[in-house]
Amino acid sequence: MSKEKILVVDDEQDLVKLTRYNLEKEGYKVISAYNGEDALFLARREKPELIILDIMLPGIDGLEVCKKLKADPELANIAILMLTAKGEEIDITLGLKLGADDYITKPFSLKELIARVQAILRRVRTSATPKDYIEIDRLRIDTYKHEVTINGETIPLTLTEFKILQQLASKPGRVFTRDQLLDAVSGPETFVIDRTIDVHIVALRKKLKKYADRLITVRGIGYKFRE
């Protein structure tokens, strides 16, 4: 079975070549671009499953590329892994809000990059076959019944807590900003503001007991569910 196609976009040619070589060793089909304009052209022509996208690009930067991809119905489902420099928390948060799936900070190890790539593509494959439940070890989230159980025992959650947990657990490893979680839980029966997300996370950790450490705080950005 052939592996997925990946587009690598960065203006550092040596980094692109090294990344491409290592991804091809893993069996992936890899194409590359060194600027935002070429990235958009190749994305439209090749329809890759994943784009590894540097934020700092000449011409159209990575954030604008991400925005254009997510605005195009034919390209919106392409997964995006952002490459960022240290200290770019604002850009990371904006990229995630625009729809990027994950980020990795430079300098990074190729082993870590490949692990992130594999995790994202695994989520892409899983989301293509939706289920009525999410199951992690003995933790089961029934999205049809709106029920959470551990070892078969029902864990009483509020509607907001359930929606937050469901959103995070639906894509393990993906970082969600507080704003994204707010959007996921908002509705006629819920009233939540930015920082109360933190309060709900604290409550969830208490109720999830041994699974509490699955809820990871990503400093300055939001939360993710550990794979």
Foldseek 3Di string as FASTA:
>chain_A
DADWEEEEEALPVVVLVVLCVVVVVVRYHYDYYHALVVVLVCCVVPVTQEYEAEQDGPDQGRLNSLLVQCVDPSRNNREYEYEEEPPVLVVQQSSVVSPHFYYDYPPDDSVVVVVVVVLVVVLSVAVVDDDQWQDDPQWIQGNVVRWIDGVNHTQDDDQLLSQLVCVQRSRAPGFDFLVRSCVSRDDPVDDDDRVCVVVSLVVVLVRVDVLNVQWDADPSGGTHGHD
